[in-house]
PDB file of N, CA and C in Angstrom:
ATOM      1  N   UNK A   1      75.189 249.389  -6.583  1.00  0.00           N
ATOM      2  CA  UNK A   1      76.378 249.362  -5.730  1.00  0.00           C
ATOM      3  C   UNK A   1      76.393 248.050  -4.956  1.00  0.00           C
ATOM      4  N   UNK A   2      77.525 247.455  -4.865  1.00  0.00           N
ATOM      5  CA  UNK A   2      77.696 246.231  -4.072  1.00  0.00           C
ATOM      6  C   UNK A   2      78.735 246.461  -2.986  1.00  0.00           C
ATOM      7  N   UNK A   3      78.684 247.588  -2.349  1.00  0.00           N
ATOM      8  CA  UNK A   3      79.664 247.886  -1.320  1.00  0.00           C
ATOM      9  C   UNK A   3      80.982 248.300  -1.939  1.00  0.00           C
ATOM     10  N   UNK A   4      82.006 248.279  -1.136  1.00  0.00           N
ATOM     11  CA  UNK A   4      83.342 248.668  -1.586  1.00  0.00           C
ATOM     12  C   UNK A   4      84.306 247.498  -1.590  1.00  0.00           C
ATOM     13  N   UNK A   5      83.790 246.312  -1.308  1.00  0.00           N
ATOM     14  CA  UNK A   5      84.658 245.144  -1.284  1.00  0.00           C
ATOM     15  C   UNK A   5      85.555 245.087  -0.062  1.00  0.00           C
ATOM     16  N   UNK A   6      85.172 245.782   0.986  1.00  0.00           N
ATOM     17  CA  UNK A   6      85.972 245.803   2.204  1.00  0.00           C
ATOM     18  C   UNK A   6      85.588 244.647   3.111  1.00  0.00           C
ATOM     19  N   UNK A   7      86.527 244.197   3.927  1.00  0.00           N
ATOM     20  CA  UNK A   7      86.172 243.180   4.925  1.00  0.00           C
ATOM     21  C   UNK A   7      85.162 243.751   5.924  1.00  0.00           C
ATOM     22  N   UNK A   8      84.350 242.878   6.471  1.00  0.00           N
ATOM     23  CA  UNK A   8      83.327 243.269   7.444  1.00  0.00           C
ATOM     24  C   UNK A   8      83.930 244.093   8.580  1.00  0.00           C
ATOM     25  N   UNK A   9      85.077 243.677   9.072  1.00  0.00           N
ATOM     26  CA  UNK A   9      85.721 244.365  10.199  1.00  0.00           C
ATOM     27  C   UNK A   9      86.075 245.803   9.852  1.00  0.00           C
ATOM     28  N   UNK A  10      86.436 246.050   8.602  1.00  0.00           N
ATOM     29  CA  UNK A  10      86.791 247.402   8.176  1.00  0.00           C
ATOM     30  C   UNK A  10      85.569 248.307   8.212  1.00  0.00           C
ATOM     31  N   UNK A  11      84.436 247.804   7.754  1.00  0.00           N
ATOM     32  CA  UNK A  11      83.207 248.593   7.833  1.00  0.00           C
ATOM     33  C   UNK A  11      82.879 248.924   9.290  1.00  0.00           C
ATOM     34  N   UNK A  12      82.996 247.940  10.161  1.00  0.00           N
ATOM     35  CA  UNK A  12      82.698 248.149  11.586  1.00  0.00           C
ATOM     36  C   UNK A  12      83.647 249.200  12.164  1.00  0.00           C
ATOM     37  N   UNK A  13      84.934 249.113  11.837  1.00  0.00           N
ATOM     38  CA  UNK A  13      85.912 250.086  12.327  1.00  0.00           C
ATOM     39  C   UNK A  13      85.600 251.488  11.818  1.00  0.00           C
ATOM     40  N   UNK A  14      85.291 251.609  10.535  1.00  0.00           N
ATOM     41  CA  UNK A  14      84.979 252.918   9.959  1.00  0.00           C
ATOM     42  C   UNK A  14      83.715 253.499  10.590  1.00  0.00           C
ATOM     43  N   UNK A  15      82.691 252.680  10.735  1.00  0.00           N
ATOM     44  CA  UNK A  15      81.464 253.152  11.359  1.00  0.00           C
ATOM     45  C   UNK A  15      81.698 253.582  12.800  1.00  0.00           C
ATOM     46  N   UNK A  16      82.429 252.783  13.538  1.00  0.00           N
ATOM     47  CA  UNK A  16      82.730 253.103  14.932  1.00  0.00           C
ATOM     48  C   UNK A  16      83.450 254.439  15.026  1.00  0.00           C
ATOM     49  N   UNK A  17      84.476 254.619  14.200  1.00  0.00           N
ATOM     50  CA  UNK A  17      85.259 255.856  14.197  1.00  0.00           C
ATOM     51  C   UNK A  17      84.404 257.058  13.832  1.00  0.00           C
ATOM     52  N   UNK A  18      83.636 256.936  12.774  1.00  0.00           N
ATOM     53  CA  UNK A  18      82.827 258.066  12.304  1.00  0.00           C
ATOM     54  C   UNK A  18      81.735 258.433  13.316  1.00  0.00           C
ATOM     55  N   UNK A  19      81.105 257.443  13.902  1.00  0.00           N
ATOM     56  CA  UNK A  19      80.045 257.727  14.876  1.00  0.00           C
ATOM     57  C   UNK A  19      80.635 258.332  16.144  1.00  0.00           C
ATOM     58  N   UNK A  20      81.772 257.819  16.582  1.00  0.00           N
ATOM     59  CA  UNK A  20      82.405 258.344  17.794  1.00  0.00           C
ATOM     60  C   UNK A  20      82.741 259.830  17.660  1.00  0.00           C
ATOM     61  N   UNK A  21      83.152 260.232  16.467  1.00  0.00           N
ATOM     62  CA  UNK A  21      83.562 261.618  16.246  1.00  0.00           C
ATOM     63  C   UNK A  21      82.512 262.419  15.481  1.00  0.00           C
ATOM     64  N   UNK A  22      81.283 261.931  15.451  1.00  0.00           N
ATOM     65  CA  UNK A  22      80.224 262.598  14.711  1.00  0.00           C
ATOM     66  C   UNK A  22      80.097 264.058  15.127  1.00  0.00           C
ATOM     67  N   UNK A  23      80.040 264.920  14.129  1.00  0.00           N
ATOM     68  CA  UNK A  23      79.893 266.348  14.373  1.00  0.00           C
ATOM     69  C   UNK A  23      81.203 267.085  14.547  1.00  0.00           C
ATOM     70  N   UNK A  24      82.284 266.357  14.680  1.00  0.00           N
ATOM     71  CA  UNK A  24      83.586 266.998  14.871  1.00  0.00           C
ATOM     72  C   UNK A  24      84.504 266.800  13.671  1.00  0.00           C
ATOM     73  N   UNK A  25      84.067 266.022  12.694  1.00  0.00           N
ATOM     74  CA  UNK A  25      84.908 265.811  11.535  1.00  0.00           C
ATOM     75  C   UNK A  25      84.366 266.590  10.349  1.00  0.00           C
ATOM     76  N   UNK A  26      84.986 266.411   9.216  1.00  0.00           N
ATOM     77  CA  UNK A  26      84.560 267.078   7.997  1.00  0.00           C
ATOM     78  C   UNK A  26      83.197 266.547   7.565  1.00  0.00           C
ATOM     79  N   UNK A  27      82.405 267.376   6.910  1.00  0.00           N
ATOM     80  CA  UNK A  27      81.066 266.939   6.500  1.00  0.00           C
ATOM     81  C   UNK A  27      81.046 265.642   5.686  1.00  0.00           C
ATOM     82  N   UNK A  28      82.021 265.437   4.817  1.00  0.00           N
ATOM     83  CA  UNK A  28      82.016 264.200   4.030  1.00  0.00           C
ATOM     84  C   UNK A  28      82.283 262.985   4.910  1.00  0.00           C
ATOM     85  N   UNK A  29      82.942 263.169   6.034  1.00  0.00           N
ATOM     86  CA  UNK A  29      83.148 262.058   6.956  1.00  0.00           C
ATOM     87  C   UNK A  29      81.860 261.732   7.711  1.00  0.00           C
ATOM     88  N   UNK A  30      81.039 262.739   8.010  1.00  0.00           N
ATOM     89  CA  UNK A  30      79.735 262.476   8.610  1.00  0.00           C
ATOM     90  C   UNK A  30      78.882 261.682   7.634  1.00  0.00           C
ATOM     91  N   UNK A  31      78.912 262.080   6.370  1.00  0.00           N
ATOM     92  CA  UNK A  31      78.170 261.379   5.331  1.00  0.00           C
ATOM     93  C   UNK A  31      78.601 259.922   5.255  1.00  0.00           C
ATOM     94  N   UNK A  32      79.863 259.648   5.509  1.00  0.00           N
ATOM     95  CA  UNK A  32      80.370 258.283   5.406  1.00  0.00           C
ATOM     96  C   UNK A  32      79.700 257.332   6.390  1.00  0.00           C
ATOM     97  N   UNK A  33      79.109 257.831   7.440  1.00  0.00           N
ATOM     98  CA  UNK A  33      78.369 256.955   8.355  1.00  0.00           C
ATOM     99  C   UNK A  33      77.265 256.257   7.574  1.00  0.00           C
ATOM    100  N   UNK A  34      76.502 257.022   6.852  1.00  0.00           N
ATOM    101  CA  UNK A  34      75.391 256.460   6.088  1.00  0.00           C
ATOM    102  C   UNK A  34      75.903 255.614   4.920  1.00  0.00           C
ATOM    103  N   UNK A  35      76.891 256.115   4.256  1.00  0.00           N
ATOM    104  CA  UNK A  35      77.450 255.407   3.108  1.00  0.00           C
ATOM    105  C   UNK A  35      78.035 254.052   3.518  1.00  0.00           C
ATOM    106  N   UNK A  36      78.797 254.028   4.603  1.00  0.00           N
ATOM    107  CA  UNK A  36      79.408 252.775   5.062  1.00  0.00           C
ATOM    108  C   UNK A  36      78.349 251.803   5.582  1.00  0.00           C
ATOM    109  N   UNK A  37      77.322 252.330   6.234  1.00  0.00           N
ATOM    110  CA  UNK A  37      76.270 251.434   6.736  1.00  0.00           C
ATOM    111  C   UNK A  37      75.503 250.803   5.579  1.00  0.00           C
ATOM    112  N   UNK A  38      75.241 251.584   4.563  1.00  0.00           N
ATOM    113  CA  UNK A  38      74.576 251.069   3.364  1.00  0.00           C
ATOM    114  C   UNK A  38      75.454 250.018   2.685  1.00  0.00           C
ATOM    115  N   UNK A  39      76.726 250.310   2.532  1.00  0.00           N
ATOM    116  CA  UNK A  39      77.650 249.393   1.875  1.00  0.00           C
ATOM    117  C   UNK A  39      77.766 248.076   2.640  1.00  0.00           C
ATOM    118  N   UNK A  40      77.727 248.127   3.961  1.00  0.00           N
ATOM    119  CA  UNK A  40      77.781 246.911   4.782  1.00  0.00           C
ATOM    120  C   UNK A  40      76.661 245.959   4.373  1.00  0.00           C
ATOM    121  N   UNK A  41      75.458 246.480   4.258  1.00  0.00           N
ATOM    122  CA  UNK A  41      74.334 245.640   3.847  1.00  0.00           C
ATOM    123  C   UNK A  41      74.485 245.170   2.407  1.00  0.00           C
ATOM    124  N   UNK A  42      74.981 246.039   1.554  1.00  0.00           N
ATOM    125  CA  UNK A  42      75.163 245.669   0.153  1.00  0.00           C
ATOM    126  C   UNK A  42      76.173 244.526  -0.001  1.00  0.00           C
ATOM    127  N   UNK A  43      77.120 244.442   0.912  1.00  0.00           N
ATOM    128  CA  UNK A  43      78.094 243.347   0.896  1.00  0.00           C
ATOM    129  C   UNK A  43      77.448 242.022   1.296  1.00  0.00           C
ATOM    130  N   UNK A  44      76.306 242.110   1.964  1.00  0.00           N
ATOM    131  CA  UNK A  44      75.621 240.902   2.400  1.00  0.00           C
ATOM    132  C   UNK A  44      76.109 240.372   3.737  1.00  0.00           C
ATOM    133  N   UNK A  45      76.805 241.215   4.505  1.00  0.00           N
ATOM    134  CA  UNK A  45      77.300 240.781   5.807  1.00  0.00           C
ATOM    135  C   UNK A  45      76.143 240.646   6.800  1.00  0.00           C
ATOM    136  N   UNK A  46      76.300 239.702   7.717  1.00  0.00           N
ATOM    137  CA  UNK A  46      75.266 239.465   8.719  1.00  0.00           C
ATOM    138  C   UNK A  46      75.334 240.519   9.822  1.00  0.00           C
ATOM    139  N   UNK A  47      74.239 240.620  10.527  1.00  0.00           N
ATOM    140  CA  UNK A  47      74.160 241.541  11.663  1.00  0.00           C
ATOM    141  C   UNK A  47      74.924 240.931  12.824  1.00  0.00           C
ATOM    142  N   UNK A  48      75.829 241.699  13.379  1.00  0.00           N
ATOM    143  CA  UNK A  48      76.612 241.265  14.537  1.00  0.00           C
ATOM    144  C   UNK A  48      76.234 242.128  15.738  1.00  0.00           C
ATOM    145  N   UNK A  49      76.688 241.724  16.895  1.00  0.00           N
ATOM    146  CA  UNK A  49      76.457 242.526  18.092  1.00  0.00           C
ATOM    147  C   UNK A  49      77.030 243.923  17.959  1.00  0.00           C
ATOM    148  N   UNK A  50      78.191 244.030  17.329  1.00  0.00           N
ATOM    149  CA  UNK A  50      78.795 245.345  17.112  1.00  0.00           C
ATOM    150  C   UNK A  50      77.920 246.207  16.214  1.00  0.00           C
ATOM    151  N   UNK A  51      77.375 245.605  15.173  1.00  0.00           N
ATOM    152  CA  UNK A  51      76.533 246.363  14.256  1.00  0.00           C
ATOM    153  C   UNK A  51      75.244 246.807  14.949  1.00  0.00           C
ATOM    154  N   UNK A  52      74.678 245.966  15.774  1.00  0.00           N
ATOM    155  CA  UNK A  52      73.482 246.344  16.524  1.00  0.00           C
ATOM    156  C   UNK A  52      73.766 247.594  17.348  1.00  0.00           C
ATOM    157  N   UNK A  53      74.883 247.608  18.042  1.00  0.00           N
ATOM    158  CA  UNK A  53      75.271 248.764  18.856  1.00  0.00           C
ATOM    159  C   UNK A  53      75.442 250.007  17.998  1.00  0.00           C
ATOM    160  N   UNK A  54      76.078 249.858  16.846  1.00  0.00           N
ATOM    161  CA  UNK A  54      76.282 250.993  15.942  1.00  0.00           C
ATOM    162  C   UNK A  54      74.952 251.495  15.386  1.00  0.00           C
ATOM    163  N   UNK A  55      74.081 250.585  15.011  1.00  0.00           N
ATOM    164  CA  UNK A  55      72.773 250.986  14.495  1.00  0.00           C
ATOM    165  C   UNK A  55      71.969 251.730  15.554  1.00  0.00           C
ATOM    166  N   UNK A  56      72.069 251.305  16.796  1.00  0.00           N
ATOM    167  CA  UNK A  56      71.389 252.016  17.870  1.00  0.00           C
ATOM    168  C   UNK A  56      71.924 253.439  18.000  1.00  0.00           C
ATOM    169  N   UNK A  57      73.229 253.596  17.860  1.00  0.00           N
ATOM    170  CA  UNK A  57      73.825 254.941  17.911  1.00  0.00           C
ATOM    171  C   UNK A  57      73.347 255.778  16.729  1.00  0.00           C
ATOM    172  N   UNK A  58      73.245 255.157  15.567  1.00  0.00           N
ATOM    173  CA  UNK A  58      72.756 255.867  14.379  1.00  0.00           C
ATOM    174  C   UNK A  58      71.325 256.337  14.602  1.00  0.00           C
ATOM    175  N   UNK A  59      70.493 255.487  15.147  1.00  0.00           N
ATOM    176  CA  UNK A  59      69.106 255.857  15.408  1.00  0.00           C
ATOM    177  C   UNK A  59      69.044 257.024  16.386  1.00  0.00           C
ATOM    178  N   UNK A  60      69.920 257.024  17.363  1.00  0.00           N
ATOM    179  CA  UNK A  60      69.918 258.103  18.359  1.00  0.00           C
ATOM    180  C   UNK A  60      70.281 259.459  17.746  1.00  0.00           C
ATOM    181  N   UNK A  61      71.066 259.465  16.670  1.00  0.00           N
ATOM    182  CA  UNK A  61      71.448 260.728  16.016  1.00  0.00           C
ATOM    183  C   UNK A  61      70.775 260.864  14.641  1.00  0.00           C
ATOM    184  N   UNK A  62      69.652 260.188  14.471  1.00  0.00           N
ATOM    185  CA  UNK A  62      68.958 260.176  13.179  1.00  0.00           C
ATOM    186  C   UNK A  62      68.612 261.577  12.684  1.00  0.00           C
ATOM    187  N   UNK A  63      68.169 262.434  13.569  1.00  0.00           N
ATOM    188  CA  UNK A  63      67.780 263.788  13.150  1.00  0.00           C
ATOM    189  C   UNK A  63      68.971 264.541  12.576  1.00  0.00           C
ATOM    190  N   UNK A  64      70.096 264.467  13.260  1.00  0.00           N
ATOM    191  CA  UNK A  64      71.290 265.177  12.809  1.00  0.00           C
ATOM    192  C   UNK A  64      71.843 264.570  11.512  1.00  0.00           C
ATOM    193  N   UNK A  65      71.867 263.240  11.440  1.00  0.00           N
ATOM    194  CA  UNK A  65      72.346 262.596  10.221  1.00  0.00           C
ATOM    195  C   UNK A  65      71.398 262.847   9.056  1.00  0.00           C
ATOM    196  N   UNK A  66      70.104 262.805   9.318  1.00  0.00           N
ATOM    197  CA  UNK A  66      69.125 263.051   8.273  1.00  0.00           C
ATOM    198  C   UNK A  66      69.229 264.447   7.693  1.00  0.00           C
ATOM    199  N   UNK A  67      69.700 265.403   8.491  1.00  0.00           N
ATOM    200  CA  UNK A  67      69.883 266.767   8.006  1.00  0.00           C
ATOM    201  C   UNK A  67      71.078 266.867   7.057  1.00  0.00           C
ATOM    202  N   UNK A  68      72.019 265.941   7.181  1.00  0.00           N
ATOM    203  CA  UNK A  68      73.204 265.947   6.319  1.00  0.00           C
ATOM    204  C   UNK A  68      72.882 265.389   4.948  1.00  0.00           C
ATOM    205  N   UNK A  69      72.182 264.284   4.938  1.00  0.00           N
ATOM    206  CA  UNK A  69      71.896 263.606   3.678  1.00  0.00           C
ATOM    207  C   UNK A  69      70.679 262.718   3.844  1.00  0.00           C
ATOM    208  N   UNK A  70      69.718 262.927   3.001  1.00  0.00           N
ATOM    209  CA  UNK A  70      68.548 262.055   2.952  1.00  0.00           C
ATOM    210  C   UNK A  70      68.124 261.921   1.504  1.00  0.00           C
ATOM    211  N   UNK A  71      67.731 260.741   1.148  1.00  0.00           N
ATOM    212  CA  UNK A  71      67.234 260.480  -0.194  1.00  0.00           C
ATOM    213  C   UNK A  71      66.014 259.590  -0.038  1.00  0.00           C
ATOM    214  N   UNK A  72      64.891 260.210   0.151  1.00  0.00           N
ATOM    215  CA  UNK A  72      63.685 259.449   0.421  1.00  0.00           C
ATOM    216  C   UNK A  72      63.234 258.605  -0.759  1.00  0.00           C
ATOM    217  N   UNK A  73      63.900 258.730  -1.886  1.00  0.00           N
ATOM    218  CA  UNK A  73      63.618 257.867  -3.025  1.00  0.00           C
ATOM    219  C   UNK A  73      64.307 256.517  -2.891  1.00  0.00           C
ATOM    220  N   UNK A  74      65.247 256.424  -1.978  1.00  0.00           N
ATOM    221  CA  UNK A  74      65.977 255.179  -1.743  1.00  0.00           C
ATOM    222  C   UNK A  74      65.210 254.314  -0.756  1.00  0.00           C
ATOM    223  N   UNK A  75      65.237 253.032  -0.972  1.00  0.00           N
ATOM    224  CA  UNK A  75      64.550 252.097  -0.086  1.00  0.00           C
ATOM    225  C   UNK A  75      65.257 251.912   1.255  1.00  0.00           C
ATOM    226  N   UNK A  76      66.576 251.857   1.243  1.00  0.00           N
ATOM    227  CA  UNK A  76      67.320 251.527   2.456  1.00  0.00           C
ATOM    228  C   UNK A  76      67.050 252.549   3.554  1.00  0.00           C
ATOM    229  N   UNK A  77      66.812 252.059   4.732  1.00  0.00           N
ATOM    230  CA  UNK A  77      66.459 252.913   5.865  1.00  0.00           C
ATOM    231  C   UNK A  77      67.495 253.983   6.164  1.00  0.00           C
ATOM    232  N   UNK A  78      68.748 253.700   5.913  1.00  0.00           N
ATOM    233  CA  UNK A  78      69.808 254.655   6.270  1.00  0.00           C
ATOM    234  C   UNK A  78      69.673 255.960   5.507  1.00  0.00           C
ATOM    235  N   UNK A  79      69.081 255.903   4.312  1.00  0.00           N
ATOM    236  CA  UNK A  79      68.901 257.111   3.501  1.00  0.00           C
ATOM    237  C   UNK A  79      67.588 257.823   3.825  1.00  0.00           C
ATOM    238  N   UNK A  80      66.918 257.387   4.851  1.00  0.00           N
ATOM    239  CA  UNK A  80      65.631 257.961   5.242  1.00  0.00           C
ATOM    240  C   UNK A  80      65.619 258.381   6.705  1.00  0.00           C
ATOM    241  N   UNK A  81      66.781 258.740   7.215  1.00  0.00           N
ATOM    242  CA  UNK A  81      66.860 259.079   8.638  1.00  0.00           C
ATOM    243  C   UNK A  81      66.073 260.325   8.994  1.00  0.00           C
ATOM    244  N   UNK A  82      65.908 261.245   8.052  1.00  0.00           N
ATOM    245  CA  UNK A  82      65.074 262.407   8.335  1.00  0.00           C
ATOM    246  C   UNK A  82      63.635 261.971   8.600  1.00  0.00           C
ATOM    247  N   UNK A  83      63.137 261.042   7.790  1.00  0.00           N
ATOM    248  CA  UNK A  83      61.783 260.519   7.988  1.00  0.00           C
ATOM    249  C   UNK A  83      61.688 259.688   9.268  1.00  0.00           C
ATOM    250  N   UNK A  84      62.735 258.956   9.591  1.00  0.00           N
ATOM    251  CA  UNK A  84      62.758 258.195  10.850  1.00  0.00           C
ATOM    252  C   UNK A  84      62.631 259.167  12.019  1.00  0.00           C
ATOM    253  N   UNK A  85      63.410 260.236  11.991  1.00  0.00           N
ATOM    254  CA  UNK A  85      63.400 261.210  13.090  1.00  0.00           C
ATOM    255  C   UNK A  85      62.061 261.929  13.217  1.00  0.00           C
ATOM    256  N   UNK A  86      61.273 261.961  12.155  1.00  0.00           N
ATOM    257  CA  UNK A  86      59.932 262.555  12.208  1.00  0.00           C
ATOM    258  C   UNK A  86      58.864 261.519  12.563  1.00  0.00           C
ATOM    259  N   UNK A  87      59.288 260.249  12.651  1.00  0.00           N
ATOM    260  CA  UNK A  87      58.335 259.184  12.914  1.00  0.00           C
ATOM    261  C   UNK A  87      57.478 258.871  11.711  1.00  0.00           C
ATOM    262  N   UNK A  88      57.997 259.206  10.518  1.00  0.00           N
ATOM    263  CA  UNK A  88      57.222 259.056   9.289  1.00  0.00           C
ATOM    264  C   UNK A  88      57.672 257.886   8.411  1.00  0.00           C
ATOM    265  N   UNK A  89      58.819 257.323   8.670  1.00  0.00           N
ATOM    266  CA  UNK A  89      59.310 256.203   7.871  1.00  0.00           C
ATOM    267  C   UNK A  89      58.627 254.931   8.368  1.00  0.00           C
ATOM    268  N   UNK A  90      58.201 254.055   7.468  1.00  0.00           N
ATOM    269  CA  UNK A  90      57.535 252.821   7.923  1.00  0.00           C
ATOM    270  C   UNK A  90      58.438 252.018   8.864  1.00  0.00           C
ATOM    271  N   UNK A  91      58.010 251.894  10.089  1.00  0.00           N
ATOM    272  CA  UNK A  91      58.847 251.260  11.109  1.00  0.00           C
ATOM    273  C   UNK A  91      59.188 249.818  10.756  1.00  0.00           C
ATOM    274  N   UNK A  92      58.332 249.146  10.014  1.00  0.00           N
ATOM    275  CA  UNK A  92      58.605 247.761   9.627  1.00  0.00           C
ATOM    276  C   UNK A  92      59.750 247.655   8.623  1.00  0.00           C
ATOM    277  N   UNK A  93      60.176 248.779   8.043  1.00  0.00           N
ATOM    278  CA  UNK A  93      61.318 248.769   7.127  1.00  0.00           C
ATOM    279  C   UNK A  93      62.648 248.973   7.855  1.00  0.00           C
ATOM    280  N   UNK A  94      62.571 249.321   9.133  1.00  0.00           N
ATOM    281  CA  UNK A  94      63.787 249.437   9.937  1.00  0.00           C
ATOM    282  C   UNK A  94      64.257 248.047  10.337  1.00  0.00           C
ATOM    283  N   UNK A  95      65.565 247.891  10.558  1.00  0.00           N
ATOM    284  CA  UNK A  95      66.030 246.605  11.075  1.00  0.00           C
ATOM    285  C   UNK A  95      65.319 246.296  12.395  1.00  0.00           C
ATOM    286  N   UNK A  96      64.982 245.042  12.590  1.00  0.00           N
ATOM    287  CA  UNK A  96      64.238 244.669  13.794  1.00  0.00           C
ATOM    288  C   UNK A  96      64.954 245.074  15.072  1.00  0.00           C
ATOM    289  N   UNK A  97      66.279 245.070  15.041  1.00  0.00           N
ATOM    290  CA  UNK A  97      67.040 245.357  16.259  1.00  0.00           C
ATOM    291  C   UNK A  97      67.033 246.833  16.663  1.00  0.00           C
ATOM    292  N   UNK A  98      66.474 247.727  15.850  1.00  0.00           N
ATOM    293  CA  UNK A  98      66.387 249.140  16.248  1.00  0.00           C
ATOM    294  C   UNK A  98      64.944 249.654  16.296  1.00  0.00           C
ATOM    295  N   UNK A  99      64.001 248.814  15.987  1.00  0.00           N
ATOM    296  CA  UNK A  99      62.602 249.272  15.939  1.00  0.00           C
ATOM    297  C   UNK A  99      62.101 249.794  17.279  1.00  0.00           C
ATOM    298  N   UNK A 100      62.361 249.075  18.349  1.00  0.00           N
ATOM    299  CA  UNK A 100      61.872 249.514  19.661  1.00  0.00           C
ATOM    300  C   UNK A 100      62.482 250.859  20.050  1.00  0.00           C
ATOM    301  N   UNK A 101      63.774 251.025  19.808  1.00  0.00           N
ATOM    302  CA  UNK A 101      64.434 252.285  20.139  1.00  0.00           C
ATOM    303  C   UNK A 101      63.862 253.421  19.292  1.00  0.00           C
ATOM    304  N   UNK A 102      63.721 253.198  17.998  1.00  0.00           N
ATOM    305  CA  UNK A 102      63.166 254.230  17.120  1.00  0.00           C
ATOM    306  C   UNK A 102      61.744 254.588  17.543  1.00  0.00           C
ATOM    307  N   UNK A 103      60.967 253.583  17.891  1.00  0.00           N
ATOM    308  CA  UNK A 103      59.591 253.827  18.318  1.00  0.00           C
ATOM    309  C   UNK A 103      59.572 254.681  19.581  1.00  0.00           C
ATOM    310  N   UNK A 104      60.441 254.341  20.509  1.00  0.00           N
ATOM    311  CA  UNK A 104      60.525 255.090  21.763  1.00  0.00           C
ATOM    312  C   UNK A 104      60.953 256.538  21.528  1.00  0.00           C
ATOM    313  N   UNK A 105      61.948 256.732  20.656  1.00  0.00           N
ATOM    314  CA  UNK A 105      62.512 258.067  20.444  1.00  0.00           C
ATOM    315  C   UNK A 105      61.677 258.946  19.523  1.00  0.00           C
ATOM    316  N   UNK A 106      61.076 258.350  18.500  1.00  0.00           N
ATOM    317  CA  UNK A 106      60.471 259.170  17.461  1.00  0.00           C
ATOM    318  C   UNK A 106      59.012 258.865  17.152  1.00  0.00           C
ATOM    319  N   UNK A 107      58.625 257.624  17.172  1.00  0.00           N
ATOM    320  CA  UNK A 107      57.301 257.257  16.685  1.00  0.00           C
ATOM    321  C   UNK A 107      56.209 257.479  17.716  1.00  0.00           C
ATOM    322  N   UNK A 108      56.480 257.207  18.957  1.00  0.00           N
ATOM    323  CA  UNK A 108      55.463 257.439  19.980  1.00  0.00           C
ATOM    324  C   UNK A 108      55.115 258.921  20.072  1.00  0.00           C
ATOM    325  N   UNK A 109      56.067 259.760  19.747  1.00  0.00           N
ATOM    326  CA  UNK A 109      55.848 261.210  19.809  1.00  0.00           C
ATOM    327  C   UNK A 109      55.080 261.714  18.602  1.00  0.00           C
ATOM    328  N   UNK A 110      55.165 260.960  17.502  1.00  0.00           N
ATOM    329  CA  UNK A 110      54.504 261.387  16.266  1.00  0.00           C
ATOM    330  C   UNK A 110      52.997 261.194  16.324  1.00  0.00           C
ATOM    331  N   UNK A 111      52.540 260.361  17.236  1.00  0.00           N
ATOM    332  CA  UNK A 111      51.097 260.046  17.301  1.00  0.00           C
ATOM    333  C   UNK A 111      50.293 261.197  17.845  1.00  0.00           C
TER     334      UNK A 111
END
């Protein structure tokens, strides 16, 4: 997969919308948080301040998102949120901008 060919701003808008309404929309829309975040990276877009904020929100709801969809056979961190929430996913595979938050929320407790 190489993303959906959407402009960077569209991915940011979709992620913002889906995260803001997380848990109140249809299940396939919750899944789209992970799908859109994965596609953003597949497009090769750079990390922006907006994306950092969105990734932090994703990390904060990792347990709930991981319960919706996880594929631990996939390398990308977004498909391993269940393992992140258990403090079991290799922290060095997380984006650097969310490692401290993930460590604080999940990894320090796993020890």
